[in-house]
Amino acid sequence: MARVFVPAHDQLVTKAEFNELTGVVWELAEAQREIAEAQTELAEPQRGTEWSVRDLAQQVGGLANSFGGSLEDV
């Protein structure tokens, strides 16, 4: 029985190792929160840029139609 229990006991996680792992998990969670906040902050200006690009494409298309052609003809 000792041959089974001693190696199994030696593989148990110590309290210090568990506390270290807990600290790492908290750091990862905080980093993930910071990444999510940064993505949210970047999303707003990007939406405005996407709208501007669509608007510009419509205007260019309108100009091309005014001159009797399309962008594919250029």
N, C-alpha and C. Protein backbone atom coordinates (compact mmCIF):
# COMPACT_ATOMS: atom_id res chain seq x y z
N MET A 1 0.82 -1.19 0.00
CA MET A 1 0.00 0.00 0.00
C MET A 1 0.87 1.26 0.00
N ALA A 2 1.99 1.20 0.69
CA ALA A 2 2.88 2.36 0.75
C ALA A 2 3.40 2.71 -0.63
N ARG A 3 3.60 1.68 -1.48
CA ARG A 3 4.08 1.94 -2.84
C ARG A 3 3.08 2.76 -3.65
N VAL A 4 1.83 2.70 -3.32
CA VAL A 4 0.80 3.45 -4.03
C VAL A 4 0.62 4.83 -3.41
N PHE A 5 0.53 4.89 -2.08
CA PHE A 5 0.21 6.15 -1.41
C PHE A 5 1.36 7.15 -1.39
N VAL A 6 2.58 6.70 -1.23
CA VAL A 6 3.72 7.62 -1.15
C VAL A 6 3.90 8.38 -2.47
N PRO A 7 3.94 7.70 -3.63
CA PRO A 7 4.05 8.47 -4.88
C PRO A 7 2.83 9.37 -5.12
N ALA A 8 1.65 8.90 -4.75
CA ALA A 8 0.45 9.72 -4.93
C ALA A 8 0.52 10.96 -4.04
N HIS A 9 0.99 10.79 -2.81
CA HIS A 9 1.12 11.92 -1.89
C HIS A 9 2.14 12.92 -2.40
N ASP A 10 3.22 12.43 -2.97
CA ASP A 10 4.27 13.30 -3.49
C ASP A 10 3.79 14.16 -4.65
N GLN A 11 2.73 13.73 -5.31
CA GLN A 11 2.22 14.49 -6.47
C GLN A 11 1.13 15.49 -6.09
N LEU A 12 0.75 15.54 -4.82
CA LEU A 12 -0.27 16.48 -4.38
C LEU A 12 0.24 17.91 -4.50
N VAL A 13 -0.65 18.82 -4.79
CA VAL A 13 -0.30 20.23 -4.91
C VAL A 13 -0.19 20.81 -3.50
N THR A 14 0.88 21.56 -3.27
CA THR A 14 1.03 22.20 -1.96
C THR A 14 0.17 23.47 -1.91
N LYS A 15 -0.06 23.96 -0.71
CA LYS A 15 -0.84 25.19 -0.54
C LYS A 15 -0.13 26.36 -1.23
N ALA A 16 1.19 26.41 -1.13
CA ALA A 16 1.95 27.49 -1.77
C ALA A 16 1.80 27.43 -3.28
N GLU A 17 1.87 26.23 -3.86
CA GLU A 17 1.70 26.09 -5.31
C GLU A 17 0.29 26.51 -5.73
N PHE A 18 -0.69 26.12 -4.92
CA PHE A 18 -2.07 26.49 -5.22
C PHE A 18 -2.25 28.01 -5.16
N ASN A 19 -1.67 28.64 -4.14
CA ASN A 19 -1.77 30.10 -4.02
C ASN A 19 -1.08 30.80 -5.18
N GLU A 20 0.05 30.25 -5.62
CA GLU A 20 0.76 30.83 -6.77
C GLU A 20 -0.10 30.72 -8.03
N LEU A 21 -0.72 29.57 -8.21
CA LEU A 21 -1.59 29.37 -9.37
C LEU A 21 -2.79 30.31 -9.31
N THR A 22 -3.35 30.49 -8.13
CA THR A 22 -4.47 31.41 -7.97
C THR A 22 -4.08 32.83 -8.36
N GLY A 23 -2.88 33.24 -7.94
CA GLY A 23 -2.39 34.57 -8.31
C GLY A 23 -2.24 34.73 -9.81
N VAL A 24 -1.73 33.71 -10.47
CA VAL A 24 -1.56 33.77 -11.92
C VAL A 24 -2.92 33.87 -12.61
N VAL A 25 -3.89 33.12 -12.11
CA VAL A 25 -5.23 33.16 -12.71
C VAL A 25 -5.83 34.56 -12.55
N TRP A 26 -5.65 35.18 -11.39
CA TRP A 26 -6.15 36.55 -11.19
C TRP A 26 -5.47 37.52 -12.15
N GLU A 27 -4.16 37.37 -12.34
CA GLU A 27 -3.45 38.25 -13.29
C GLU A 27 -3.97 38.08 -14.71
N LEU A 28 -4.21 36.83 -15.10
CA LEU A 28 -4.75 36.57 -16.43
C LEU A 28 -6.14 37.18 -16.60
N ALA A 29 -6.96 37.05 -15.57
CA ALA A 29 -8.31 37.61 -15.62
C ALA A 29 -8.26 39.13 -15.75
N GLU A 30 -7.37 39.77 -15.03
CA GLU A 30 -7.23 41.23 -15.12
C GLU A 30 -6.75 41.64 -16.50
N ALA A 31 -5.78 40.91 -17.04
CA ALA A 31 -5.29 41.21 -18.39
C ALA A 31 -6.41 41.05 -19.41
N GLN A 32 -7.24 40.03 -19.25
CA GLN A 32 -8.35 39.82 -20.16
C GLN A 32 -9.35 40.97 -20.07
N ARG A 33 -9.62 41.45 -18.86
CA ARG A 33 -10.52 42.61 -18.69
C ARG A 33 -9.95 43.83 -19.39
N GLU A 34 -8.65 44.05 -19.25
CA GLU A 34 -8.02 45.21 -19.89
C GLU A 34 -8.10 45.10 -21.41
N ILE A 35 -7.91 43.92 -21.93
CA ILE A 35 -8.02 43.71 -23.38
C ILE A 35 -9.44 43.99 -23.85
N ALA A 36 -10.42 43.49 -23.11
CA ALA A 36 -11.83 43.71 -23.47
C ALA A 36 -12.17 45.20 -23.45
N GLU A 37 -11.68 45.93 -22.45
CA GLU A 37 -11.93 47.37 -22.39
C GLU A 37 -11.28 48.09 -23.57
N ALA A 38 -10.07 47.70 -23.91
CA ALA A 38 -9.37 48.34 -25.04
C ALA A 38 -10.11 48.07 -26.34
N GLN A 39 -10.61 46.86 -26.51
CA GLN A 39 -11.36 46.54 -27.73
C GLN A 39 -12.63 47.36 -27.81
N THR A 40 -13.30 47.55 -26.69
CA THR A 40 -14.52 48.36 -26.66
C THR A 40 -14.21 49.80 -27.03
N GLU A 41 -13.13 50.33 -26.49
CA GLU A 41 -12.74 51.71 -26.79
C GLU A 41 -12.38 51.88 -28.26
N LEU A 42 -11.79 50.88 -28.88
CA LEU A 42 -11.41 50.96 -30.29
C LEU A 42 -12.60 50.76 -31.22
N ALA A 43 -13.63 50.09 -30.74
CA ALA A 43 -14.76 49.75 -31.61
C ALA A 43 -15.54 50.99 -32.03
N GLU A 44 -15.71 51.95 -31.14
CA GLU A 44 -16.50 53.15 -31.46
C GLU A 44 -15.92 53.94 -32.64
N PRO A 45 -14.64 54.33 -32.60
CA PRO A 45 -14.09 55.05 -33.75
C PRO A 45 -14.12 54.21 -35.04
N GLN A 46 -13.96 52.91 -34.90
CA GLN A 46 -13.96 52.05 -36.07
C GLN A 46 -15.32 52.07 -36.74
N ARG A 47 -16.40 52.07 -35.94
CA ARG A 47 -17.74 52.14 -36.53
C ARG A 47 -17.91 53.42 -37.33
N GLY A 48 -17.39 54.53 -36.79
CA GLY A 48 -17.48 55.79 -37.50
C GLY A 48 -16.70 55.74 -38.81
N THR A 49 -15.53 55.11 -38.78
CA THR A 49 -14.72 54.98 -39.99
C THR A 49 -15.44 54.12 -41.02
N GLU A 50 -16.04 53.04 -40.59
CA GLU A 50 -16.78 52.17 -41.53
C GLU A 50 -17.92 52.94 -42.18
N TRP A 51 -18.64 53.74 -41.39
CA TRP A 51 -19.73 54.53 -41.95
C TRP A 51 -19.18 55.52 -42.97
N SER A 52 -18.06 56.18 -42.65
CA SER A 52 -17.46 57.15 -43.56
C SER A 52 -17.03 56.50 -44.87
N VAL A 53 -16.45 55.31 -44.80
CA VAL A 53 -16.02 54.61 -46.00
C VAL A 53 -17.23 54.25 -46.87
N ARG A 54 -18.31 53.77 -46.25
CA ARG A 54 -19.53 53.46 -47.01
C ARG A 54 -20.09 54.71 -47.67
N ASP A 55 -20.12 55.80 -46.91
CA ASP A 55 -20.63 57.07 -47.45
C ASP A 55 -19.78 57.53 -48.62
N LEU A 56 -18.48 57.44 -48.47
CA LEU A 56 -17.57 57.84 -49.55
C LEU A 56 -17.77 56.97 -50.79
N ALA A 57 -17.95 55.67 -50.60
CA ALA A 57 -18.19 54.78 -51.73
C ALA A 57 -19.47 55.15 -52.46
N GLN A 58 -20.51 55.51 -51.72
CA GLN A 58 -21.76 55.91 -52.35
C GLN A 58 -21.57 57.20 -53.14
N GLN A 59 -20.83 58.14 -52.57
CA GLN A 59 -20.59 59.40 -53.26
C GLN A 59 -19.77 59.20 -54.53
N VAL A 60 -18.74 58.38 -54.46
CA VAL A 60 -17.92 58.10 -55.64
C VAL A 60 -18.77 57.39 -56.70
N GLY A 61 -19.61 56.45 -56.24
CA GLY A 61 -20.51 55.78 -57.19
C GLY A 61 -21.46 56.75 -57.85
N GLY A 62 -21.98 57.69 -57.08
CA GLY A 62 -22.87 58.71 -57.63
C GLY A 62 -22.16 59.59 -58.65
N LEU A 63 -20.92 59.95 -58.36
CA LEU A 63 -20.15 60.76 -59.31
C LEU A 63 -19.89 59.98 -60.60
N ALA A 64 -19.57 58.70 -60.45
CA ALA A 64 -19.32 57.88 -61.64
C ALA A 64 -20.58 57.78 -62.48
N ASN A 65 -21.72 57.61 -61.85
CA ASN A 65 -22.98 57.54 -62.58
C ASN A 65 -23.28 58.87 -63.27
N SER A 66 -22.91 59.98 -62.63
CA SER A 66 -23.14 61.29 -63.22
C SER A 66 -22.34 61.47 -64.51
N PHE A 67 -21.20 60.83 -64.58
CA PHE A 67 -20.37 60.94 -65.77
C PHE A 67 -20.66 59.83 -66.77
N GLY A 68 -21.68 59.03 -66.51
CA GLY A 68 -22.11 58.02 -67.47
C GLY A 68 -21.31 56.73 -67.43
N GLY A 69 -20.65 56.44 -66.36
CA GLY A 69 -19.88 55.22 -66.28
C GLY A 69 -20.01 54.60 -64.91
N SER A 70 -19.20 53.63 -64.66
CA SER A 70 -19.16 53.03 -63.34
C SER A 70 -17.71 52.81 -62.95
N LEU A 71 -17.49 52.47 -61.73
CA LEU A 71 -16.13 52.26 -61.28
C LEU A 71 -15.45 51.11 -62.00
N GLU A 72 -16.24 50.13 -62.45
CA GLU A 72 -15.67 49.00 -63.16
C GLU A 72 -15.14 49.42 -64.54
N ASP A 73 -15.65 50.50 -65.09
CA ASP A 73 -15.21 50.95 -66.41
C ASP A 73 -13.84 51.63 -66.36
N VAL A 74 -13.40 52.03 -65.20
CA VAL A 74 -12.15 52.79 -65.09
C VAL A 74 -10.96 51.89 -65.26
